[in-house]
């Protein structure tokens, strides 16, 4: 079971590290990551394996959202099933 995590906001030192640390502490494994800095703006998308997370998925989503708010970022976490359904024609 995988999730797609997106992170956007003003660029600053440690964004990737803080998101990766939250994933790791929950037992989520980063499978793939792509990030870009456009002038002063940061954008990242991650594919994360959440099969073995130590909390309910909804709690993981809330934790990631709270991390974003704390750091002035927008972090969204979406289960791959929802993501795939949204992008099916």
PDB file of N, CA and C in Angstrom:
ATOM      1  N   UNK A   1       0.853  -1.162   0.000  1.00  0.00           N
ATOM      2  CA  UNK A   1       0.000   0.000   0.000  1.00  0.00           C
ATOM      3  C   UNK A   1       0.904   1.231   0.000  1.00  0.00           C
ATOM      4  N   UNK A   2       0.618   2.145  -0.909  1.00  0.00           N
ATOM      5  CA  UNK A   2       1.451   3.337  -1.047  1.00  0.00           C
ATOM      6  C   UNK A   2       0.608   4.602  -0.898  1.00  0.00           C
ATOM      7  N   UNK A   3       1.321   5.705  -0.669  1.00  0.00           N
ATOM      8  CA  UNK A   3       0.692   7.025  -0.582  1.00  0.00           C
ATOM      9  C   UNK A   3       1.531   7.999  -1.390  1.00  0.00           C
ATOM     10  N   UNK A   4       0.869   9.035  -1.890  1.00  0.00           N
ATOM     11  CA  UNK A   4       1.538  10.119  -2.587  1.00  0.00           C
ATOM     12  C   UNK A   4       1.521  11.330  -1.657  1.00  0.00           C
ATOM     13  N   UNK A   5       2.715  11.864  -1.393  1.00  0.00           N
ATOM     14  CA  UNK A   5       2.843  13.035  -0.531  1.00  0.00           C
ATOM     15  C   UNK A   5       3.364  14.182  -1.384  1.00  0.00           C
ATOM     16  N   UNK A   6       2.670  15.315  -1.336  1.00  0.00           N
ATOM     17  CA  UNK A   6       3.157  16.510  -2.025  1.00  0.00           C
ATOM     18  C   UNK A   6       3.471  17.581  -0.985  1.00  0.00           C
ATOM     19  N   UNK A   7       4.522  18.340  -1.270  1.00  0.00           N
ATOM     20  CA  UNK A   7       4.959  19.408  -0.374  1.00  0.00           C
ATOM     21  C   UNK A   7       5.223  20.645  -1.224  1.00  0.00           C
ATOM     22  N   UNK A   8       4.604  21.760  -0.877  1.00  0.00           N
ATOM     23  CA  UNK A   8       4.856  23.022  -1.577  1.00  0.00           C
ATOM     24  C   UNK A   8       4.984  24.150  -0.565  1.00  0.00           C
ATOM     25  N   UNK A   9       5.760  25.152  -0.940  1.00  0.00           N
ATOM     26  CA  UNK A   9       5.907  26.317  -0.082  1.00  0.00           C
ATOM     27  C   UNK A   9       7.194  27.050  -0.371  1.00  0.00           C
ATOM     28  N   UNK A  10       7.497  28.032   0.454  1.00  0.00           N
ATOM     29  CA  UNK A  10       8.748  28.783   0.339  1.00  0.00           C
ATOM     30  C   UNK A  10       9.904  27.848   0.669  1.00  0.00           C
ATOM     31  N   UNK A  11      10.969  27.935  -0.116  1.00  0.00           N
ATOM     32  CA  UNK A  11      12.128  27.088   0.107  1.00  0.00           C
ATOM     33  C   UNK A  11      12.840  27.470   1.403  1.00  0.00           C
ATOM     34  N   UNK A  12      13.311  26.460   2.116  1.00  0.00           N
ATOM     35  CA  UNK A  12      14.117  26.670   3.315  1.00  0.00           C
ATOM     36  C   UNK A  12      14.943  25.418   3.571  1.00  0.00           C
ATOM     37  N   UNK A  13      15.947  25.551   4.368  1.00  0.00           N
ATOM     38  CA  UNK A  13      16.823  24.433   4.691  1.00  0.00           C
ATOM     39  C   UNK A  13      16.065  23.396   5.515  1.00  0.00           C
ATOM     40  N   UNK A  14      16.186  22.116   5.149  1.00  0.00           N
ATOM     41  CA  UNK A  14      15.682  21.031   5.971  1.00  0.00           C
ATOM     42  C   UNK A  14      14.291  20.514   5.647  1.00  0.00           C
ATOM     43  N   UNK A  15      13.675  20.997   4.568  1.00  0.00           N
ATOM     44  CA  UNK A  15      12.314  20.535   4.255  1.00  0.00           C
ATOM     45  C   UNK A  15      12.309  19.024   4.002  1.00  0.00           C
ATOM     46  N   UNK A  16      13.177  18.572   3.122  1.00  0.00           N
ATOM     47  CA  UNK A  16      13.209  17.138   2.797  1.00  0.00           C
ATOM     48  C   UNK A  16      13.536  16.331   4.049  1.00  0.00           C
ATOM     49  N   UNK A  17      14.483  16.800   4.833  1.00  0.00           N
ATOM     50  CA  UNK A  17      14.877  16.086   6.047  1.00  0.00           C
ATOM     51  C   UNK A  17      13.718  15.964   7.033  1.00  0.00           C
ATOM     52  N   UNK A  18      12.953  17.038   7.221  1.00  0.00           N
ATOM     53  CA  UNK A  18      11.860  16.981   8.200  1.00  0.00           C
ATOM     54  C   UNK A  18      10.740  16.060   7.728  1.00  0.00           C
ATOM     55  N   UNK A  19      10.424  16.082   6.435  1.00  0.00           N
ATOM     56  CA  UNK A  19       9.387  15.192   5.907  1.00  0.00           C
ATOM     57  C   UNK A  19       9.863  13.743   5.985  1.00  0.00           C
ATOM     58  N   UNK A  20      11.110  13.507   5.605  1.00  0.00           N
ATOM     59  CA  UNK A  20      11.665  12.149   5.661  1.00  0.00           C
ATOM     60  C   UNK A  20      11.691  11.623   7.099  1.00  0.00           C
ATOM     61  N   UNK A  21      12.014  12.489   8.056  1.00  0.00           N
ATOM     62  CA  UNK A  21      12.053  12.070   9.462  1.00  0.00           C
ATOM     63  C   UNK A  21      10.668  11.669   9.953  1.00  0.00           C
ATOM     64  N   UNK A  22       9.637  12.438   9.581  1.00  0.00           N
ATOM     65  CA  UNK A  22       8.264  12.092   9.992  1.00  0.00           C
ATOM     66  C   UNK A  22       7.836  10.767   9.369  1.00  0.00           C
ATOM     67  N   UNK A  23       8.189  10.568   8.102  1.00  0.00           N
ATOM     68  CA  UNK A  23       7.868   9.298   7.439  1.00  0.00           C
ATOM     69  C   UNK A  23       8.557   8.151   8.162  1.00  0.00           C
ATOM     70  N   UNK A  24       9.838   8.317   8.430  1.00  0.00           N
ATOM     71  CA  UNK A  24      10.615   7.272   9.096  1.00  0.00           C
ATOM     72  C   UNK A  24      10.077   6.951  10.486  1.00  0.00           C
ATOM     73  N   UNK A  25       9.748   7.980  11.248  1.00  0.00           N
ATOM     74  CA  UNK A  25       9.265   7.741  12.614  1.00  0.00           C
ATOM     75  C   UNK A  25       7.915   7.031  12.628  1.00  0.00           C
ATOM     76  N   UNK A  26       7.157   7.158  11.536  1.00  0.00           N
ATOM     77  CA  UNK A  26       5.869   6.463  11.438  1.00  0.00           C
ATOM     78  C   UNK A  26       6.019   5.072  10.824  1.00  0.00           C
ATOM     79  N   UNK A  27       7.220   4.748  10.342  1.00  0.00           N
ATOM     80  CA  UNK A  27       7.437   3.439   9.717  1.00  0.00           C
ATOM     81  C   UNK A  27       7.154   3.428   8.227  1.00  0.00           C
ATOM     82  N   UNK A  28       7.013   4.604   7.613  1.00  0.00           N
ATOM     83  CA  UNK A  28       6.780   4.698   6.171  1.00  0.00           C
ATOM     84  C   UNK A  28       8.128   4.721   5.453  1.00  0.00           C
ATOM     85  N   UNK A  29       8.194   4.067   4.305  1.00  0.00           N
ATOM     86  CA  UNK A  29       9.424   3.990   3.529  1.00  0.00           C
ATOM     87  C   UNK A  29       9.282   4.804   2.244  1.00  0.00           C
ATOM     88  N   UNK A  30      10.212   5.724   2.011  1.00  0.00           N
ATOM     89  CA  UNK A  30      10.195   6.531   0.796  1.00  0.00           C
ATOM     90  C   UNK A  30      10.658   5.658  -0.364  1.00  0.00           C
ATOM     91  N   UNK A  31       9.779   5.498  -1.362  1.00  0.00           N
ATOM     92  CA  UNK A  31      10.066   4.660  -2.525  1.00  0.00           C
ATOM     93  C   UNK A  31      10.658   5.496  -3.653  1.00  0.00           C
ATOM     94  N   UNK A  32      10.127   6.687  -3.856  1.00  0.00           N
ATOM     95  CA  UNK A  32      10.596   7.575  -4.922  1.00  0.00           C
ATOM     96  C   UNK A  32      10.354   9.013  -4.482  1.00  0.00           C
ATOM     97  N   UNK A  33      11.211   9.901  -4.973  1.00  0.00           N
ATOM     98  CA  UNK A  33      11.096  11.312  -4.598  1.00  0.00           C
ATOM     99  C   UNK A  33      11.561  12.183  -5.755  1.00  0.00           C
ATOM    100  N   UNK A  34      10.843  13.266  -5.966  1.00  0.00           N
ATOM    101  CA  UNK A  34      11.235  14.264  -6.954  1.00  0.00           C
ATOM    102  C   UNK A  34      10.989  15.626  -6.326  1.00  0.00           C
ATOM    103  N   UNK A  35      11.971  16.506  -6.442  1.00  0.00           N
ATOM    104  CA  UNK A  35      11.801  17.839  -5.872  1.00  0.00           C
ATOM    105  C   UNK A  35      12.433  18.867  -6.784  1.00  0.00           C
ATOM    106  N   UNK A  36      11.925  20.075  -6.666  1.00  0.00           N
ATOM    107  CA  UNK A  36      12.423  21.163  -7.481  1.00  0.00           C
ATOM    108  C   UNK A  36      12.298  22.462  -6.703  1.00  0.00           C
ATOM    109  N   UNK A  37      13.239  23.359  -6.962  1.00  0.00           N
ATOM    110  CA  UNK A  37      13.160  24.696  -6.394  1.00  0.00           C
ATOM    111  C   UNK A  37      13.040  25.658  -7.571  1.00  0.00           C
ATOM    112  N   UNK A  38      11.941  26.389  -7.594  1.00  0.00           N
ATOM    113  CA  UNK A  38      11.662  27.366  -8.648  1.00  0.00           C
ATOM    114  C   UNK A  38      11.774  28.751  -8.034  1.00  0.00           C
ATOM    115  N   UNK A  39      12.902  29.414  -8.299  1.00  0.00           N
ATOM    116  CA  UNK A  39      13.248  30.667  -7.635  1.00  0.00           C
ATOM    117  C   UNK A  39      13.224  30.424  -6.134  1.00  0.00           C
ATOM    118  N   UNK A  40      12.292  31.006  -5.381  1.00  0.00           N
ATOM    119  CA  UNK A  40      12.284  30.788  -3.930  1.00  0.00           C
ATOM    120  C   UNK A  40      11.212  29.789  -3.480  1.00  0.00           C
ATOM    121  N   UNK A  41      10.596  29.098  -4.432  1.00  0.00           N
ATOM    122  CA  UNK A  41       9.511  28.166  -4.103  1.00  0.00           C
ATOM    123  C   UNK A  41       9.963  26.715  -4.221  1.00  0.00           C
ATOM    124  N   UNK A  42       9.546  25.920  -3.263  1.00  0.00           N
ATOM    125  CA  UNK A  42       9.909  24.506  -3.181  1.00  0.00           C
ATOM    126  C   UNK A  42       8.697  23.660  -3.555  1.00  0.00           C
ATOM    127  N   UNK A  43       8.934  22.616  -4.343  1.00  0.00           N
ATOM    128  CA  UNK A  43       7.868  21.658  -4.693  1.00  0.00           C
ATOM    129  C   UNK A  43       8.461  20.254  -4.656  1.00  0.00           C
ATOM    130  N   UNK A  44       7.745  19.330  -4.035  1.00  0.00           N
ATOM    131  CA  UNK A  44       8.219  17.949  -3.928  1.00  0.00           C
ATOM    132  C   UNK A  44       7.035  16.999  -4.020  1.00  0.00           C
ATOM    133  N   UNK A  45       7.273  15.863  -4.647  1.00  0.00           N
ATOM    134  CA  UNK A  45       6.303  14.781  -4.645  1.00  0.00           C
ATOM    135  C   UNK A  45       7.055  13.515  -4.257  1.00  0.00           C
ATOM    136  N   UNK A  46       6.443  12.751  -3.373  1.00  0.00           N
ATOM    137  CA  UNK A  46       7.060  11.512  -2.889  1.00  0.00           C
ATOM    138  C   UNK A  46       6.066  10.366  -3.036  1.00  0.00           C
ATOM    139  N   UNK A  47       6.582   9.208  -3.349  1.00  0.00           N
ATOM    140  CA  UNK A  47       5.806   7.978  -3.294  1.00  0.00           C
ATOM    141  C   UNK A  47       6.325   7.223  -2.085  1.00  0.00           C
ATOM    142  N   UNK A  48       5.432   6.909  -1.159  1.00  0.00           N
ATOM    143  CA  UNK A  48       5.817   6.345   0.128  1.00  0.00           C
ATOM    144  C   UNK A  48       5.071   5.046   0.365  1.00  0.00           C
ATOM    145  N   UNK A  49       5.797   4.009   0.767  1.00  0.00           N
ATOM    146  CA  UNK A  49       5.176   2.735   1.133  1.00  0.00           C
ATOM    147  C   UNK A  49       4.690   2.854   2.574  1.00  0.00           C
ATOM    148  N   UNK A  50       3.374   2.747   2.758  1.00  0.00           N
ATOM    149  CA  UNK A  50       2.789   2.896   4.096  1.00  0.00           C
ATOM    150  C   UNK A  50       2.264   1.559   4.636  1.00  0.00           C
ATOM    151  N   UNK A  51       2.709   0.472   4.041  1.00  0.00           N
ATOM    152  CA  UNK A  51       2.243  -0.857   4.455  1.00  0.00           C
ATOM    153  C   UNK A  51       2.487  -1.110   5.940  1.00  0.00           C
ATOM    154  N   UNK A  52       3.641  -0.667   6.437  1.00  0.00           N
ATOM    155  CA  UNK A  52       4.031  -0.999   7.819  1.00  0.00           C
ATOM    156  C   UNK A  52       4.018   0.196   8.760  1.00  0.00           C
ATOM    157  N   UNK A  53       3.184   1.201   8.476  1.00  0.00           N
ATOM    158  CA  UNK A  53       3.171   2.347   9.385  1.00  0.00           C
ATOM    159  C   UNK A  53       2.622   1.932  10.750  1.00  0.00           C
ATOM    160  N   UNK A  54       3.075   2.653  11.762  1.00  0.00           N
ATOM    161  CA  UNK A  54       2.758   2.295  13.148  1.00  0.00           C
ATOM    162  C   UNK A  54       1.503   2.969  13.682  1.00  0.00           C
ATOM    163  N   UNK A  55       0.743   3.611  12.809  1.00  0.00           N
ATOM    164  CA  UNK A  55      -0.472   4.306  13.221  1.00  0.00           C
ATOM    165  C   UNK A  55      -1.507   4.158  12.118  1.00  0.00           C
ATOM    166  N   UNK A  56      -2.763   4.452  12.404  1.00  0.00           N
ATOM    167  CA  UNK A  56      -3.771   4.435  11.337  1.00  0.00           C
ATOM    168  C   UNK A  56      -3.398   5.454  10.247  1.00  0.00           C
ATOM    169  N   UNK A  57      -3.765   5.147   9.008  1.00  0.00           N
ATOM    170  CA  UNK A  57      -3.411   6.015   7.887  1.00  0.00           C
ATOM    171  C   UNK A  57      -3.914   7.438   8.101  1.00  0.00           C
ATOM    172  N   UNK A  58      -5.127   7.599   8.609  1.00  0.00           N
ATOM    173  CA  UNK A  58      -5.690   8.938   8.842  1.00  0.00           C
ATOM    174  C   UNK A  58      -4.817   9.735   9.823  1.00  0.00           C
ATOM    175  N   UNK A  59      -4.274   9.063  10.807  1.00  0.00           N
ATOM    176  CA  UNK A  59      -3.387   9.731  11.768  1.00  0.00           C
ATOM    177  C   UNK A  59      -2.080  10.158  11.080  1.00  0.00           C
ATOM    178  N   UNK A  60      -1.564   9.311  10.200  1.00  0.00           N
ATOM    179  CA  UNK A  60      -0.359   9.651   9.430  1.00  0.00           C
ATOM    180  C   UNK A  60      -0.616  10.892   8.574  1.00  0.00           C
ATOM    181  N   UNK A  61      -1.778  10.936   7.922  1.00  0.00           N
ATOM    182  CA  UNK A  61      -2.158  12.100   7.112  1.00  0.00           C
ATOM    183  C   UNK A  61      -2.187  13.352   7.985  1.00  0.00           C
ATOM    184  N   UNK A  62      -2.808  13.269   9.143  1.00  0.00           N
ATOM    185  CA  UNK A  62      -2.902  14.421  10.054  1.00  0.00           C
ATOM    186  C   UNK A  62      -1.519  14.875  10.529  1.00  0.00           C
ATOM    187  N   UNK A  63      -0.640  13.925  10.800  1.00  0.00           N
ATOM    188  CA  UNK A  63       0.724  14.243  11.231  1.00  0.00           C
ATOM    189  C   UNK A  63       1.474  15.007  10.151  1.00  0.00           C
ATOM    190  N   UNK A  64       1.332  14.561   8.903  1.00  0.00           N
ATOM    191  CA  UNK A  64       2.016  15.226   7.798  1.00  0.00           C
ATOM    192  C   UNK A  64       1.431  16.626   7.568  1.00  0.00           C
ATOM    193  N   UNK A  65       0.116  16.751   7.655  1.00  0.00           N
ATOM    194  CA  UNK A  65      -0.534  18.056   7.498  1.00  0.00           C
ATOM    195  C   UNK A  65      -0.059  19.022   8.582  1.00  0.00           C
ATOM    196  N   UNK A  66       0.013  18.539   9.814  1.00  0.00           N
ATOM    197  CA  UNK A  66       0.462  19.371  10.936  1.00  0.00           C
ATOM    198  C   UNK A  66       1.916  19.802  10.753  1.00  0.00           C
ATOM    199  N   UNK A  67       2.752  18.921  10.235  1.00  0.00           N
ATOM    200  CA  UNK A  67       4.151  19.269   9.956  1.00  0.00           C
ATOM    201  C   UNK A  67       4.207  20.427   8.955  1.00  0.00           C
ATOM    202  N   UNK A  68       3.369  20.347   7.940  1.00  0.00           N
ATOM    203  CA  UNK A  68       3.322  21.422   6.957  1.00  0.00           C
ATOM    204  C   UNK A  68       2.914  22.742   7.580  1.00  0.00           C
ATOM    205  N   UNK A  69       1.856  22.732   8.367  1.00  0.00           N
ATOM    206  CA  UNK A  69       1.384  23.961   9.008  1.00  0.00           C
ATOM    207  C   UNK A  69       2.453  24.563   9.921  1.00  0.00           C
ATOM    208  N   UNK A  70       3.133  23.697  10.647  1.00  0.00           N
ATOM    209  CA  UNK A  70       4.183  24.142  11.568  1.00  0.00           C
ATOM    210  C   UNK A  70       5.318  24.842  10.826  1.00  0.00           C
ATOM    211  N   UNK A  71       5.585  24.402   9.598  1.00  0.00           N
ATOM    212  CA  UNK A  71       6.725  24.916   8.836  1.00  0.00           C
ATOM    213  C   UNK A  71       6.326  25.840   7.685  1.00  0.00           C
ATOM    214  N   UNK A  72       5.074  26.273   7.648  1.00  0.00           N
ATOM    215  CA  UNK A  72       4.629  27.188   6.604  1.00  0.00           C
ATOM    216  C   UNK A  72       4.573  26.547   5.222  1.00  0.00           C
ATOM    217  N   UNK A  73       4.288  25.252   5.183  1.00  0.00           N
ATOM    218  CA  UNK A  73       4.206  24.493   3.936  1.00  0.00           C
ATOM    219  C   UNK A  73       2.810  23.915   3.775  1.00  0.00           C
ATOM    220  N   UNK A  74       2.501  23.490   2.574  1.00  0.00           N
ATOM    221  CA  UNK A  74       1.272  22.730   2.344  1.00  0.00           C
ATOM    222  C   UNK A  74       1.715  21.301   2.043  1.00  0.00           C
ATOM    223  N   UNK A  75       1.357  20.386   2.935  1.00  0.00           N
ATOM    224  CA  UNK A  75       1.687  18.973   2.744  1.00  0.00           C
ATOM    225  C   UNK A  75       0.377  18.207   2.633  1.00  0.00           C
ATOM    226  N   UNK A  76       0.213  17.520   1.506  1.00  0.00           N
ATOM    227  CA  UNK A  76      -0.966  16.667   1.329  1.00  0.00           C
ATOM    228  C   UNK A  76      -0.506  15.226   1.195  1.00  0.00           C
ATOM    229  N   UNK A  77      -1.265  14.333   1.788  1.00  0.00           N
ATOM    230  CA  UNK A  77      -0.958  12.906   1.759  1.00  0.00           C
ATOM    231  C   UNK A  77      -2.202  12.186   1.278  1.00  0.00           C
ATOM    232  N   UNK A  78      -2.049  11.457   0.186  1.00  0.00           N
ATOM    233  CA  UNK A  78      -3.189  10.796  -0.441  1.00  0.00           C
ATOM    234  C   UNK A  78      -2.876   9.316  -0.682  1.00  0.00           C
ATOM    235  N   UNK A  79      -3.778   8.450  -0.257  1.00  0.00           N
ATOM    236  CA  UNK A  79      -3.617   7.019  -0.506  1.00  0.00           C
ATOM    237  C   UNK A  79      -3.573   6.789  -2.014  1.00  0.00           C
ATOM    238  N   UNK A  80      -2.739   5.863  -2.461  1.00  0.00           N
ATOM    239  CA  UNK A  80      -2.583   5.637  -3.902  1.00  0.00           C
ATOM    240  C   UNK A  80      -3.895   5.248  -4.580  1.00  0.00           C
ATOM    241  N   UNK A  81      -4.787   4.576  -3.896  1.00  0.00           N
ATOM    242  CA  UNK A  81      -6.065   4.202  -4.500  1.00  0.00           C
ATOM    243  C   UNK A  81      -6.880   5.440  -4.865  1.00  0.00           C
ATOM    244  N   UNK A  82      -6.903   6.423  -3.981  1.00  0.00           N
ATOM    245  CA  UNK A  82      -7.611   7.675  -4.253  1.00  0.00           C
ATOM    246  C   UNK A  82      -6.916   8.410  -5.395  1.00  0.00           C
ATOM    247  N   UNK A  83      -5.596   8.498  -5.323  1.00  0.00           N
ATOM    248  CA  UNK A  83      -4.832   9.180  -6.358  1.00  0.00           C
ATOM    249  C   UNK A  83      -5.091   8.549  -7.725  1.00  0.00           C
ATOM    250  N   UNK A  84      -5.039   7.223  -7.806  1.00  0.00           N
ATOM    251  CA  UNK A  84      -5.278   6.526  -9.067  1.00  0.00           C
ATOM    252  C   UNK A  84      -6.698   6.744  -9.567  1.00  0.00           C
ATOM    253  N   UNK A  85      -7.677   6.704  -8.677  1.00  0.00           N
ATOM    254  CA  UNK A  85      -9.069   6.900  -9.067  1.00  0.00           C
ATOM    255  C   UNK A  85      -9.296   8.316  -9.621  1.00  0.00           C
ATOM    256  N   UNK A  86      -8.617   9.284  -9.058  1.00  0.00           N
ATOM    257  CA  UNK A  86      -8.762  10.669  -9.515  1.00  0.00           C
ATOM    258  C   UNK A  86      -8.181  10.869 -10.906  1.00  0.00           C
ATOM    259  N   UNK A  87      -7.237  10.043 -11.291  1.00  0.00           N
ATOM    260  CA  UNK A  87      -6.537  10.230 -12.548  1.00  0.00           C
ATOM    261  C   UNK A  87      -6.902   9.182 -13.598  1.00  0.00           C
ATOM    262  N   UNK A  88      -7.987   8.484 -13.371  1.00  0.00           N
ATOM    263  CA  UNK A  88      -8.489   7.514 -14.338  1.00  0.00           C
ATOM    264  C   UNK A  88      -9.523   8.167 -15.226  1.00  0.00           C
ATOM    265  N   UNK A  89      -9.444   7.879 -16.497  1.00  0.00           N
ATOM    266  CA  UNK A  89     -10.427   8.440 -17.442  1.00  0.00           C
ATOM    267  C   UNK A  89     -11.564   7.463 -17.633  1.00  0.00           C
TER     268      UNK A  89
END
